[in-house]
Each structure stands twice: as structure tokens, then as C-alpha cells.
């Protein structure tokens, strides 16, 4: 049997660009454009990057407010410390760089200078999971696990451009330090205009009765696409999007899980320490026992390649979702 990845020819895109999805409406740089718009209303907002302005989409803010923008160079620990300092003089500091550099290099600075100090710092961390095709040095596949361990840190994994824009605004009023998995480039617009992000509230994106899918980040888009395909094959799947990882909507997830005989949990992250672990812990604590399939990344480092190639190779692509829904495997 031929390897499913043999026929894939997708290119390795620019840093953190999402793959194009046929038939999807997209929006360019929703993070940066939303931040620039919000900053007109909130003069206390400043923007910072560790030499990753282009690859984090913060350039619209820089162009609109050059005197409120700071590029600290390739120095993530300095980035976090400067942001924490600015918060102490009344600023709301939006920081951008790659997720791997924030989590692996500046972890102690996020924990102590920001979260422990309740600093008003909003970290928009780019290229979570397999969004990046540049190999283990640039793929943040364990960031949720790491950041969950920091007390008083809010963690958000937006689904699409619609939710990301709302998150940019919402975090300005969330006290303390917030970590957001940023989506950049041409970001799909999946959610309707009436969708409303609420901190700590999971949202049902698709109703169904056959199987319950619990997902976060852009995997929720994929889950809904897979559910629509599976519906044509007679399996009706519901999708619950968990946009906030911390605080975790335990009650909402349990209420959803109770409705189904089997569950699927999907995330752009390793299946240990992220959403799947949170769901399993919640089910166990509540005494609920359900057959559950985890769609996510194994405990490994990952090779370089196009996002299409990597997602097929490591089985987090659309066919994997459909197989889990329809064939229960």
C-alpha cells in the first residue's frame, strides 16, 4: 500500500503561513490589523517583537504607531522583561515572536516577571504545532503543556480569523498575562459574524448526535469540515470548540461529553499535556468513562516539510478526522 504522503507536493511556506484551503474565505494578518484598530482607542497599548515583525503580522501596528513599537532584536528574554517593565508604568504590552522561543527560551521570565507579577502582558506566540514546516527548532508542539504549568497565566488557542480578532480586543481587558497561539498570513474565516469569544467558555460549532468532537485552535475548523463530510456517510458529529485552554471550561466540556457514547479530542499539539489531557482529567474526576480517540501529535520531534506533508505523515489531516468519525479508529 502506498504511503499517503508520497503524492503530496505542497511547498514549505513562509514562516507560520497556514495552508490554503480550497473554498475558504481568508483574511490577511487579522492580528496586526485588529491591534492597530484597537490601539486607536487605547493609547496605553504598545507593541513589541523579537525581530519577528513580518512573521508575526504586527507590522500594521508598527506602521500606524511607530512611536509605540519596539523591536528588541533576537532576544526573547529581553522582550518579556521590557514588556513587564512597560506594564508597570501603565502600558498594555502586546508581544510577538515564535511560540518556541517564548516557551523554551523565556519560560522563567514569563513565569516570574509576568504571571507571578500579574504584569499586563499579552503574548501572541506564532507558529503553534505543525503550522511551521521548519522542523523541531521552530515547531511548538509542547507549548500548551509547558504554559499550563504557570499559575495565573491565561491561555487561548483561537480557531480562525474571526475569533482571533475578538481575542485581540478581549485580552486588553483580561487582567494579568495572557498567552495566545497566534495565526498569521492568510487566516481562514470559519466562524460567522454572530460568534462571540468568551473567556473560559467552550462553544458548540456544530450540532450532532452520533459522536462528539472536542477540539481547539484551527483543528476546530478541520473538525467541522470532517463532520460535514461524515454526515454524507450517515454519521452525525457535533463539534465543541475549546478556545480557552486556561481557565478550562470543565463544566461545559462535561455537559457536552455526557451527550455522546464516544468522543474524539483533536489538537494541533502533542496528545500529552494539552487539550486531550485536560479532557481526560475532567472525565476521570467526574467518573465518566467514554471511548475516546485522540487526534494530535505523538511524543517526538518532527521533520521539515510542507504542512500538508507533515499533517498526512503524522495523521492529523482531514482524512484522519473522517476515519475517526466514520470508522471509529
C-alpha atoms as a PDB file:
ATOM      1  CA  UNK A   1       0.000   0.000   0.000  1.00  0.00           C
ATOM      2  CA  UNK A   2       1.397   3.399  -0.995  1.00  0.00           C
ATOM      3  CA  UNK A   3       2.354   5.881   1.692  1.00  0.00           C
ATOM      4  CA  UNK A   4      -0.306   8.625   1.853  1.00  0.00           C
ATOM      5  CA  UNK A   5       2.424  11.258   1.856  1.00  0.00           C
ATOM      6  CA  UNK A   6       4.020  10.089  -1.396  1.00  0.00           C
ATOM      7  CA  UNK A   7       1.639  12.055  -3.593  1.00  0.00           C
ATOM      8  CA  UNK A   8       1.888  15.329  -1.677  1.00  0.00           C
ATOM      9  CA  UNK A   9       3.879  18.084  -3.316  1.00  0.00           C
ATOM     10  CA  UNK A  10       2.968  21.140  -1.223  1.00  0.00           C
ATOM     11  CA  UNK A  11       5.759  23.608  -0.641  1.00  0.00           C
ATOM     12  CA  UNK A  12       7.172  24.650   2.719  1.00  0.00           C
ATOM     13  CA  UNK A  13       5.628  28.075   3.142  1.00  0.00           C
ATOM     14  CA  UNK A  14       6.852  31.262   4.698  1.00  0.00           C
ATOM     15  CA  UNK A  15       7.259  31.172   8.435  1.00  0.00           C
ATOM     16  CA  UNK A  16       3.945  30.303  10.010  1.00  0.00           C
ATOM     17  CA  UNK A  17       1.725  30.711   6.972  1.00  0.00           C
ATOM     18  CA  UNK A  18      -1.327  28.480   7.125  1.00  0.00           C
ATOM     19  CA  UNK A  19      -2.023  26.144   4.218  1.00  0.00           C
ATOM     20  CA  UNK A  20      -4.535  27.302   1.635  1.00  0.00           C
ATOM     21  CA  UNK A  21      -7.879  25.561   1.931  1.00  0.00           C
ATOM     22  CA  UNK A  22      -9.994  25.399  -1.192  1.00  0.00           C
ATOM     23  CA  UNK A  23     -13.277  27.226  -0.871  1.00  0.00           C
ATOM     24  CA  UNK A  24     -12.316  29.058   2.317  1.00  0.00           C
ATOM     25  CA  UNK A  25     -12.551  32.799   2.693  1.00  0.00           C
ATOM     26  CA  UNK A  26      -9.373  34.183   4.226  1.00  0.00           C
ATOM     27  CA  UNK A  27      -8.273  37.402   5.894  1.00  0.00           C
ATOM     28  CA  UNK A  28      -4.740  38.754   5.762  1.00  0.00           C
ATOM     29  CA  UNK A  29      -2.969  39.497   9.045  1.00  0.00           C
ATOM     30  CA  UNK A  30      -6.032  39.635  11.327  1.00  0.00           C
ATOM     31  CA  UNK A  31      -3.841  40.002  14.423  1.00  0.00           C
ATOM     32  CA  UNK A  32      -1.927  43.077  13.275  1.00  0.00           C
ATOM     33  CA  UNK A  33      -4.850  44.869  11.663  1.00  0.00           C
ATOM     34  CA  UNK A  34      -7.033  44.325  14.719  1.00  0.00           C
ATOM     35  CA  UNK A  35      -4.314  45.501  17.071  1.00  0.00           C
ATOM     36  CA  UNK A  36      -3.792  48.662  15.022  1.00  0.00           C
ATOM     37  CA  UNK A  37      -7.528  49.395  15.132  1.00  0.00           C
ATOM     38  CA  UNK A  38      -7.731  48.773  18.873  1.00  0.00           C
ATOM     39  CA  UNK A  39      -4.694  50.927  19.550  1.00  0.00           C
ATOM     40  CA  UNK A  40      -6.524  53.967  18.146  1.00  0.00           C
ATOM     41  CA  UNK A  41      -8.948  53.607  21.049  1.00  0.00           C
ATOM     42  CA  UNK A  42      -6.408  52.532  23.661  1.00  0.00           C
ATOM     43  CA  UNK A  43      -3.376  54.841  23.808  1.00  0.00           C
ATOM     44  CA  UNK A  44      -1.819  52.695  26.545  1.00  0.00           C
ATOM     45  CA  UNK A  45      -1.214  49.824  24.103  1.00  0.00           C
ATOM     46  CA  UNK A  46       2.355  49.247  22.947  1.00  0.00           C
ATOM     47  CA  UNK A  47       3.667  46.577  20.569  1.00  0.00           C
ATOM     48  CA  UNK A  48       6.908  44.635  20.815  1.00  0.00           C
ATOM     49  CA  UNK A  49       8.669  41.948  18.832  1.00  0.00           C
ATOM     50  CA  UNK A  50      11.926  39.999  18.972  1.00  0.00           C
ATOM     51  CA  UNK A  51      12.859  40.716  15.365  1.00  0.00           C
ATOM     52  CA  UNK A  52       9.851  38.821  14.044  1.00  0.00           C
ATOM     53  CA  UNK A  53       7.632  41.691  12.979  1.00  0.00           C
ATOM     54  CA  UNK A  54       6.973  40.366   9.500  1.00  0.00           C
ATOM     55  CA  UNK A  55       6.473  36.804  10.671  1.00  0.00           C
ATOM     56  CA  UNK A  56       4.078  37.689  13.446  1.00  0.00           C
ATOM     57  CA  UNK A  57       1.864  40.115  11.454  1.00  0.00           C
ATOM     58  CA  UNK A  58       2.446  43.009  13.863  1.00  0.00           C
ATOM     59  CA  UNK A  59       3.613  45.327  11.038  1.00  0.00           C
ATOM     60  CA  UNK A  60       0.199  47.020  10.572  1.00  0.00           C
ATOM     61  CA  UNK A  61       0.524  48.201  14.180  1.00  0.00           C
ATOM     62  CA  UNK A  62       4.119  49.344  13.634  1.00  0.00           C
ATOM     63  CA  UNK A  63       3.137  51.329  10.562  1.00  0.00           C
ATOM     64  CA  UNK A  64       0.248  53.026  12.363  1.00  0.00           C
ATOM     65  CA  UNK A  65       2.100  53.708  15.620  1.00  0.00           C
ATOM     66  CA  UNK A  66       5.863  53.738  15.043  1.00  0.00           C
ATOM     67  CA  UNK A  67       6.486  55.590  18.327  1.00  0.00           C
ATOM     68  CA  UNK A  68       4.695  52.844  20.263  1.00  0.00           C
ATOM     69  CA  UNK A  69       6.505  49.942  18.598  1.00  0.00           C
ATOM     70  CA  UNK A  70       9.725  48.346  19.889  1.00  0.00           C
ATOM     71  CA  UNK A  71      11.871  45.733  18.169  1.00  0.00           C
ATOM     72  CA  UNK A  72      14.230  44.377  20.821  1.00  0.00           C
ATOM     73  CA  UNK A  73      16.151  42.126  18.410  1.00  0.00           C
ATOM     74  CA  UNK A  74      16.572  38.377  18.707  1.00  0.00           C
ATOM     75  CA  UNK A  75      16.388  38.451  22.491  1.00  0.00           C
ATOM     76  CA  UNK A  76      13.182  36.845  23.758  1.00  0.00           C
ATOM     77  CA  UNK A  77      14.095  37.152  27.419  1.00  0.00           C
ATOM     78  CA  UNK A  78      14.638  40.900  26.953  1.00  0.00           C
ATOM     79  CA  UNK A  79      11.341  41.057  25.065  1.00  0.00           C
ATOM     80  CA  UNK A  80       9.433  39.673  28.031  1.00  0.00           C
ATOM     81  CA  UNK A  81      11.311  41.736  30.632  1.00  0.00           C
ATOM     82  CA  UNK A  82      10.820  45.005  28.721  1.00  0.00           C
ATOM     83  CA  UNK A  83       7.127  44.207  28.279  1.00  0.00           C
ATOM     84  CA  UNK A  84       6.811  43.503  32.011  1.00  0.00           C
ATOM     85  CA  UNK A  85       8.528  46.802  32.777  1.00  0.00           C
ATOM     86  CA  UNK A  86       6.247  48.739  30.450  1.00  0.00           C
ATOM     87  CA  UNK A  87       3.224  47.195  32.142  1.00  0.00           C
ATOM     88  CA  UNK A  88       4.448  48.584  35.466  1.00  0.00           C
ATOM     89  CA  UNK A  89       4.139  52.134  34.103  1.00  0.00           C
ATOM     90  CA  UNK A  90       0.592  51.618  32.868  1.00  0.00           C
ATOM     91  CA  UNK A  91       1.094  50.144  29.405  1.00  0.00           C
ATOM     92  CA  UNK A  92      -0.612  47.102  27.891  1.00  0.00           C
ATOM     93  CA  UNK A  93       2.239  45.309  26.158  1.00  0.00           C
ATOM     94  CA  UNK A  94       1.456  43.095  23.148  1.00  0.00           C
ATOM     95  CA  UNK A  95       4.497  40.875  22.477  1.00  0.00           C
ATOM     96  CA  UNK A  96       5.150  38.810  19.369  1.00  0.00           C
ATOM     97  CA  UNK A  97       7.641  36.197  18.318  1.00  0.00           C
ATOM     98  CA  UNK A  98       7.677  32.467  17.642  1.00  0.00           C
ATOM     99  CA  UNK A  99       5.992  30.257  20.194  1.00  0.00           C
ATOM    100  CA  UNK A 100       9.048  28.017  20.556  1.00  0.00           C
ATOM    101  CA  UNK A 101      11.240  30.948  21.538  1.00  0.00           C
ATOM    102  CA  UNK A 102       8.788  32.272  24.118  1.00  0.00           C
ATOM    103  CA  UNK A 103       8.216  28.891  25.713  1.00  0.00           C
ATOM    104  CA  UNK A 104      11.669  27.318  25.546  1.00  0.00           C
ATOM    105  CA  UNK A 105      13.912  30.366  25.989  1.00  0.00           C
ATOM    106  CA  UNK A 106      11.934  32.824  28.077  1.00  0.00           C
ATOM    107  CA  UNK A 107       9.898  30.454  30.259  1.00  0.00           C
ATOM    108  CA  UNK A 108      11.205  31.670  33.615  1.00  0.00           C
ATOM    109  CA  UNK A 109      10.724  35.293  32.560  1.00  0.00           C
ATOM    110  CA  UNK A 110       7.096  34.642  31.580  1.00  0.00           C
ATOM    111  CA  UNK A 111       6.502  32.819  34.873  1.00  0.00           C
ATOM    112  CA  UNK A 112       8.128  35.275  37.288  1.00  0.00           C
ATOM    113  CA  UNK A 113       8.357  38.696  35.628  1.00  0.00           C
ATOM    114  CA  UNK A 114       4.909  38.397  34.051  1.00  0.00           C
ATOM    115  CA  UNK A 115       2.477  35.849  35.543  1.00  0.00           C
ATOM    116  CA  UNK A 116       3.769  35.967  39.130  1.00  0.00           C
ATOM    117  CA  UNK A 117       3.900  39.762  38.968  1.00  0.00           C
ATOM    118  CA  UNK A 118       0.468  39.966  37.317  1.00  0.00           C
ATOM    119  CA  UNK A 119       2.031  42.048  34.559  1.00  0.00           C
ATOM    120  CA  UNK A 120      -0.317  43.344  31.873  1.00  0.00           C
ATOM    121  CA  UNK A 121       1.492  41.498  29.072  1.00  0.00           C
ATOM    122  CA  UNK A 122      -0.266  39.842  26.142  1.00  0.00           C
ATOM    123  CA  UNK A 123       1.918  37.313  24.327  1.00  0.00           C
ATOM    124  CA  UNK A 124       0.885  36.439  20.756  1.00  0.00           C
ATOM    125  CA  UNK A 125       3.021  33.401  20.026  1.00  0.00           C
ATOM    126  CA  UNK A 126       3.339  32.408  16.380  1.00  0.00           C
ATOM    127  CA  UNK A 127       3.540  29.060  14.627  1.00  0.00           C
ATOM    128  CA  UNK A 128       1.994  26.653  17.104  1.00  0.00           C
ATOM    129  CA  UNK A 129       2.239  22.923  16.377  1.00  0.00           C
ATOM    130  CA  UNK A 130       2.748  21.836  12.775  1.00  0.00           C
ATOM    131  CA  UNK A 131       1.817  25.221  11.277  1.00  0.00           C
ATOM    132  CA  UNK A 132       5.553  25.602  10.757  1.00  0.00           C
ATOM    133  CA  UNK A 133       7.408  23.275   8.413  1.00  0.00           C
ATOM    134  CA  UNK A 134      10.923  24.183   9.532  1.00  0.00           C
ATOM    135  CA  UNK A 135      11.477  21.271  11.855  1.00  0.00           C
ATOM    136  CA  UNK A 136      11.854  20.782  15.588  1.00  0.00           C
ATOM    137  CA  UNK A 137      13.678  24.069  16.222  1.00  0.00           C
ATOM    138  CA  UNK A 138      10.631  26.049  15.085  1.00  0.00           C
ATOM    139  CA  UNK A 139       7.668  23.784  15.877  1.00  0.00           C
ATOM    140  CA  UNK A 140       5.909  24.499  19.162  1.00  0.00           C
ATOM    141  CA  UNK A 141       4.334  21.120  19.750  1.00  0.00           C
ATOM    142  CA  UNK A 142       4.506  21.146  23.548  1.00  0.00           C
ATOM    143  CA  UNK A 143       3.771  24.789  24.380  1.00  0.00           C
ATOM    144  CA  UNK A 144       0.323  24.167  25.877  1.00  0.00           C
ATOM    145  CA  UNK A 145       1.798  21.584  28.217  1.00  0.00           C
ATOM    146  CA  UNK A 146       4.537  23.974  29.319  1.00  0.00           C
ATOM    147  CA  UNK A 147       2.366  27.059  29.735  1.00  0.00           C
ATOM    148  CA  UNK A 148      -0.378  25.202  31.604  1.00  0.00           C
ATOM    149  CA  UNK A 149       2.130  24.759  34.395  1.00  0.00           C
ATOM    150  CA  UNK A 150       2.393  28.500  35.050  1.00  0.00           C
ATOM    151  CA  UNK A 151      -0.083  29.779  37.647  1.00  0.00           C
ATOM    152  CA  UNK A 152      -2.149  32.887  36.911  1.00  0.00           C
ATOM    153  CA  UNK A 153      -1.487  32.618  33.165  1.00  0.00           C
ATOM    154  CA  UNK A 154      -4.413  32.741  30.726  1.00  0.00           C
ATOM    155  CA  UNK A 155      -4.027  30.544  27.622  1.00  0.00           C
ATOM    156  CA  UNK A 156      -6.075  30.963  24.421  1.00  0.00           C
ATOM    157  CA  UNK A 157      -5.984  28.908  21.167  1.00  0.00           C
ATOM    158  CA  UNK A 158      -8.197  30.707  18.587  1.00  0.00           C
ATOM    159  CA  UNK A 159      -9.989  28.863  15.802  1.00  0.00           C
ATOM    160  CA  UNK A 160      -9.864  31.335  12.914  1.00  0.00           C
ATOM    161  CA  UNK A 161      -9.576  34.984  11.870  1.00  0.00           C
ATOM    162  CA  UNK A 162     -12.964  35.877  13.357  1.00  0.00           C
ATOM    163  CA  UNK A 163     -12.083  34.598  16.807  1.00  0.00           C
ATOM    164  CA  UNK A 164      -8.513  35.868  16.674  1.00  0.00           C
ATOM    165  CA  UNK A 165      -9.705  39.434  16.042  1.00  0.00           C
ATOM    166  CA  UNK A 166     -12.080  39.210  19.001  1.00  0.00           C
ATOM    167  CA  UNK A 167      -9.305  37.808  21.175  1.00  0.00           C
ATOM    168  CA  UNK A 168      -7.018  40.740  20.300  1.00  0.00           C
ATOM    169  CA  UNK A 169      -9.649  43.062  21.773  1.00  0.00           C
ATOM    170  CA  UNK A 170     -10.694  40.855  24.671  1.00  0.00           C
ATOM    171  CA  UNK A 171      -7.239  40.322  26.135  1.00  0.00           C
ATOM    172  CA  UNK A 172      -6.743  44.059  26.626  1.00  0.00           C
ATOM    173  CA  UNK A 173      -9.316  43.830  29.424  1.00  0.00           C
ATOM    174  CA  UNK A 174      -8.200  40.491  30.861  1.00  0.00           C
ATOM    175  CA  UNK A 175      -6.098  41.185  33.973  1.00  0.00           C
ATOM    176  CA  UNK A 176      -2.544  39.870  34.036  1.00  0.00           C
ATOM    177  CA  UNK A 177      -0.571  37.901  31.482  1.00  0.00           C
ATOM    178  CA  UNK A 178      -2.156  36.122  28.517  1.00  0.00           C
ATOM    179  CA  UNK A 179      -0.601  33.602  26.102  1.00  0.00           C
ATOM    180  CA  UNK A 180      -2.300  33.352  22.684  1.00  0.00           C
ATOM    181  CA  UNK A 181      -1.432  30.885  19.906  1.00  0.00           C
ATOM    182  CA  UNK A 182      -1.306  33.301  17.007  1.00  0.00           C
ATOM    183  CA  UNK A 183      -2.380  32.508  13.437  1.00  0.00           C
ATOM    184  CA  UNK A 184      -0.714  34.536  10.702  1.00  0.00           C
ATOM    185  CA  UNK A 185      -0.754  35.141   6.984  1.00  0.00           C
ATOM    186  CA  UNK A 186      -3.995  34.401   5.138  1.00  0.00           C
ATOM    187  CA  UNK A 187      -6.084  33.107   8.011  1.00  0.00           C
ATOM    188  CA  UNK A 188      -9.359  31.320   7.146  1.00  0.00           C
ATOM    189  CA  UNK A 189     -12.631  32.937   8.192  1.00  0.00           C
ATOM    190  CA  UNK A 190     -14.587  29.992   9.542  1.00  0.00           C
ATOM    191  CA  UNK A 191     -16.906  31.408  12.169  1.00  0.00           C
ATOM    192  CA  UNK A 192     -19.926  33.586  11.424  1.00  0.00           C
ATOM    193  CA  UNK A 193     -20.244  37.225  12.432  1.00  0.00           C
ATOM    194  CA  UNK A 194     -22.515  36.345  15.341  1.00  0.00           C
ATOM    195  CA  UNK A 195     -19.830  34.220  17.024  1.00  0.00           C
ATOM    196  CA  UNK A 196     -18.679  35.705  20.312  1.00  0.00           C
ATOM    197  CA  UNK A 197     -15.496  34.750  22.110  1.00  0.00           C
ATOM    198  CA  UNK A 198     -15.960  34.425  25.858  1.00  0.00           C
ATOM    199  CA  UNK A 199     -13.019  33.766  28.133  1.00  0.00           C
ATOM    200  CA  UNK A 200     -13.296  30.290  29.653  1.00  0.00           C
ATOM    201  CA  UNK A 201     -16.359  29.261  27.630  1.00  0.00           C
ATOM    202  CA  UNK A 202     -16.347  26.406  25.118  1.00  0.00           C
ATOM    203  CA  UNK A 203     -18.661  26.863  22.131  1.00  0.00           C
ATOM    204  CA  UNK A 204     -20.627  24.314  20.095  1.00  0.00           C
ATOM    205  CA  UNK A 205     -19.747  24.952  16.437  1.00  0.00           C
ATOM    206  CA  UNK A 206     -21.800  22.103  15.002  1.00  0.00           C
ATOM    207  CA  UNK A 207     -24.671  20.155  16.494  1.00  0.00           C
ATOM    208  CA  UNK A 208     -24.881  16.382  16.025  1.00  0.00           C
ATOM    209  CA  UNK A 209     -25.832  13.180  17.791  1.00  0.00           C
ATOM    210  CA  UNK A 210     -23.523  10.376  16.638  1.00  0.00           C
ATOM    211  CA  UNK A 211     -20.143  11.345  18.074  1.00  0.00           C
ATOM    212  CA  UNK A 212     -18.780  14.328  19.996  1.00  0.00           C
ATOM    213  CA  UNK A 213     -15.599  16.093  18.860  1.00  0.00           C
ATOM    214  CA  UNK A 214     -13.821  18.348  21.363  1.00  0.00           C
ATOM    215  CA  UNK A 215     -11.141  20.494  19.720  1.00  0.00           C
ATOM    216  CA  UNK A 216      -9.101  23.671  19.998  1.00  0.00           C
ATOM    217  CA  UNK A 217      -7.256  26.052  17.694  1.00  0.00           C
ATOM    218  CA  UNK A 218      -7.569  25.654  13.946  1.00  0.00           C
ATOM    219  CA  UNK A 219      -8.271  21.953  14.454  1.00  0.00           C
ATOM    220  CA  UNK A 220     -11.825  23.029  15.219  1.00  0.00           C
ATOM    221  CA  UNK A 221     -12.135  24.219  11.599  1.00  0.00           C
ATOM    222  CA  UNK A 222     -10.905  20.833  10.436  1.00  0.00           C
ATOM    223  CA  UNK A 223     -13.231  19.022  12.816  1.00  0.00           C
ATOM    224  CA  UNK A 224     -16.242  20.808  11.370  1.00  0.00           C
ATOM    225  CA  UNK A 225     -15.134  20.095   7.803  1.00  0.00           C
ATOM    226  CA  UNK A 226     -14.704  16.419   8.677  1.00  0.00           C
ATOM    227  CA  UNK A 227     -18.106  16.349  10.375  1.00  0.00           C
ATOM    228  CA  UNK A 228     -19.733  17.713   7.228  1.00  0.00           C
ATOM    229  CA  UNK A 229     -18.055  15.008   5.120  1.00  0.00           C
ATOM    230  CA  UNK A 230     -19.026  12.304   7.603  1.00  0.00           C
ATOM    231  CA  UNK A 231     -22.643  13.476   7.581  1.00  0.00           C
ATOM    232  CA  UNK A 232     -22.876  12.444   3.921  1.00  0.00           C
ATOM    233  CA  UNK A 233     -21.877   8.956   5.066  1.00  0.00           C
ATOM    234  CA  UNK A 234     -24.581   8.801   7.713  1.00  0.00           C
ATOM    235  CA  UNK A 235     -22.610   9.766  10.827  1.00  0.00           C
ATOM    236  CA  UNK A 236     -23.723  12.970  12.510  1.00  0.00           C
ATOM    237  CA  UNK A 237     -20.901  14.521  14.561  1.00  0.00           C
ATOM    238  CA  UNK A 238     -21.034  17.518  16.894  1.00  0.00           C
ATOM    239  CA  UNK A 239     -18.075  19.858  17.413  1.00  0.00           C
ATOM    240  CA  UNK A 240     -17.237  21.680  20.656  1.00  0.00           C
ATOM    241  CA  UNK A 241     -14.529  24.339  20.263  1.00  0.00           C
ATOM    242  CA  UNK A 242     -12.449  24.980  23.390  1.00  0.00           C
ATOM    243  CA  UNK A 243     -10.958  28.384  22.624  1.00  0.00           C
ATOM    244  CA  UNK A 244      -9.674  28.925  26.147  1.00  0.00           C
ATOM    245  CA  UNK A 245      -7.274  26.291  27.441  1.00  0.00           C
ATOM    246  CA  UNK A 246      -6.828  28.049  30.798  1.00  0.00           C
ATOM    247  CA  UNK A 247      -9.184  28.700  32.509  1.00  0.00           C
ATOM    248  CA  UNK A 248     -10.615  25.430  31.183  1.00  0.00           C
ATOM    249  CA  UNK A 249     -14.393  25.148  30.729  1.00  0.00           C
ATOM    250  CA  UNK A 250     -14.687  21.908  32.694  1.00  0.00           C
ATOM    251  CA  UNK A 251     -18.457  22.126  33.173  1.00  0.00           C
ATOM    252  CA  UNK A 252     -19.107  22.879  29.508  1.00  0.00           C
ATOM    253  CA  UNK A 253     -16.913  20.008  28.326  1.00  0.00           C
ATOM    254  CA  UNK A 254     -18.523  17.540  30.739  1.00  0.00           C
ATOM    255  CA  UNK A 255     -22.041  18.590  29.724  1.00  0.00           C
ATOM    256  CA  UNK A 256     -21.084  18.050  26.074  1.00  0.00           C
ATOM    257  CA  UNK A 257     -19.359  14.718  26.743  1.00  0.00           C
ATOM    258  CA  UNK A 258     -22.356  13.292  28.594  1.00  0.00           C
ATOM    259  CA  UNK A 259     -24.436  13.547  25.405  1.00  0.00           C
ATOM    260  CA  UNK A 260     -22.341  11.049  23.418  1.00  0.00           C
ATOM    261  CA  UNK A 261     -21.379   7.380  23.580  1.00  0.00           C
ATOM    262  CA  UNK A 262     -17.962   8.115  22.090  1.00  0.00           C
ATOM    263  CA  UNK A 263     -15.657  11.116  21.875  1.00  0.00           C
ATOM    264  CA  UNK A 264     -12.821  12.461  19.733  1.00  0.00           C
ATOM    265  CA  UNK A 265     -10.361  15.062  21.062  1.00  0.00           C
ATOM    266  CA  UNK A 266      -8.301  16.986  18.480  1.00  0.00           C
ATOM    267  CA  UNK A 267      -5.485  19.490  18.850  1.00  0.00           C
ATOM    268  CA  UNK A 268      -2.502  20.920  16.971  1.00  0.00           C
ATOM    269  CA  UNK A 269      -0.229  19.793  19.814  1.00  0.00           C
ATOM    270  CA  UNK A 270       1.088  16.607  21.352  1.00  0.00           C
ATOM    271  CA  UNK A 271      -1.631  14.434  22.834  1.00  0.00           C
ATOM    272  CA  UNK A 272       0.083  14.675  26.206  1.00  0.00           C
ATOM    273  CA  UNK A 273      -0.245  17.772  28.358  1.00  0.00           C
ATOM    274  CA  UNK A 274      -2.652  19.707  26.144  1.00  0.00           C
ATOM    275  CA  UNK A 275      -6.391  19.564  25.459  1.00  0.00           C
ATOM    276  CA  UNK A 276      -6.651  15.753  25.459  1.00  0.00           C
ATOM    277  CA  UNK A 277      -5.071  15.579  28.895  1.00  0.00           C
ATOM    278  CA  UNK A 278      -7.438  18.246  30.199  1.00  0.00           C
ATOM    279  CA  UNK A 279     -10.477  16.386  28.846  1.00  0.00           C
ATOM    280  CA  UNK A 280      -9.356  13.015  30.189  1.00  0.00           C
ATOM    281  CA  UNK A 281      -8.661  14.533  33.612  1.00  0.00           C
ATOM    282  CA  UNK A 282     -12.107  16.144  33.673  1.00  0.00           C
ATOM    283  CA  UNK A 283     -13.840  12.899  32.643  1.00  0.00           C
ATOM    284  CA  UNK A 284     -11.934  10.899  35.243  1.00  0.00           C
ATOM    285  CA  UNK A 285     -12.664  13.364  38.039  1.00  0.00           C
ATOM    286  CA  UNK A 286     -16.376  13.273  37.131  1.00  0.00           C
ATOM    287  CA  UNK A 287     -16.468   9.475  36.985  1.00  0.00           C
ATOM    288  CA  UNK A 288     -17.318   9.418  33.273  1.00  0.00           C
ATOM    289  CA  UNK A 289     -15.915   6.563  31.197  1.00  0.00           C
ATOM    290  CA  UNK A 290     -16.206   7.066  27.426  1.00  0.00           C
ATOM    291  CA  UNK A 291     -14.423   5.540  24.414  1.00  0.00           C
ATOM    292  CA  UNK A 292     -12.129   8.352  23.265  1.00  0.00           C
ATOM    293  CA  UNK A 293      -9.866   8.820  20.223  1.00  0.00           C
ATOM    294  CA  UNK A 294      -7.047  11.360  20.441  1.00  0.00           C
ATOM    295  CA  UNK A 295      -6.075  13.198  17.244  1.00  0.00           C
ATOM    296  CA  UNK A 296      -2.819  15.027  17.833  1.00  0.00           C
ATOM    297  CA  UNK A 297       0.926  14.662  17.701  1.00  0.00           C
ATOM    298  CA  UNK A 298       2.985  11.851  19.160  1.00  0.00           C
ATOM    299  CA  UNK A 299       5.747  12.451  21.696  1.00  0.00           C
ATOM    300  CA  UNK A 300       8.515  13.111  19.213  1.00  0.00           C
ATOM    301  CA  UNK A 301      10.445  15.778  17.343  1.00  0.00           C
ATOM    302  CA  UNK A 302       9.162  16.367  13.812  1.00  0.00           C
ATOM    303  CA  UNK A 303      10.923  16.700  10.491  1.00  0.00           C
ATOM    304  CA  UNK A 304      10.894  19.574   7.991  1.00  0.00           C
ATOM    305  CA  UNK A 305       8.316  19.666   5.209  1.00  0.00           C
ATOM    306  CA  UNK A 306       5.181  21.287   3.905  1.00  0.00           C
ATOM    307  CA  UNK A 307       2.257  21.476   6.286  1.00  0.00           C
ATOM    308  CA  UNK A 308       0.287  19.122   4.026  1.00  0.00           C
ATOM    309  CA  UNK A 309       3.102  16.562   4.073  1.00  0.00           C
ATOM    310  CA  UNK A 310       3.607  16.738   7.826  1.00  0.00           C
ATOM    311  CA  UNK A 311      -0.086  16.563   8.678  1.00  0.00           C
ATOM    312  CA  UNK A 312      -0.544  13.498   6.460  1.00  0.00           C
ATOM    313  CA  UNK A 313       2.598  11.819   7.791  1.00  0.00           C
ATOM    314  CA  UNK A 314       1.670  12.379  11.428  1.00  0.00           C
ATOM    315  CA  UNK A 315      -2.044  11.735  10.864  1.00  0.00           C
ATOM    316  CA  UNK A 316      -3.691  14.985  11.880  1.00  0.00           C
ATOM    317  CA  UNK A 317      -5.149  15.757   8.444  1.00  0.00           C
ATOM    318  CA  UNK A 318      -8.736  15.754   7.195  1.00  0.00           C
ATOM    319  CA  UNK A 319      -8.814  12.050   6.173  1.00  0.00           C
ATOM    320  CA  UNK A 320      -7.693  11.140   9.705  1.00  0.00           C
ATOM    321  CA  UNK A 321     -10.620  13.077  11.160  1.00  0.00           C
ATOM    322  CA  UNK A 322     -13.122  11.435   8.804  1.00  0.00           C
ATOM    323  CA  UNK A 323     -11.755   7.977   9.584  1.00  0.00           C
ATOM    324  CA  UNK A 324     -12.125   8.626  13.314  1.00  0.00           C
ATOM    325  CA  UNK A 325     -15.717   9.803  12.921  1.00  0.00           C
ATOM    326  CA  UNK A 326     -16.959   7.203  10.436  1.00  0.00           C
ATOM    327  CA  UNK A 327     -14.879   4.113  11.216  1.00  0.00           C
ATOM    328  CA  UNK A 328     -14.216   4.812  14.921  1.00  0.00           C
ATOM    329  CA  UNK A 329     -10.480   4.215  14.549  1.00  0.00           C
END
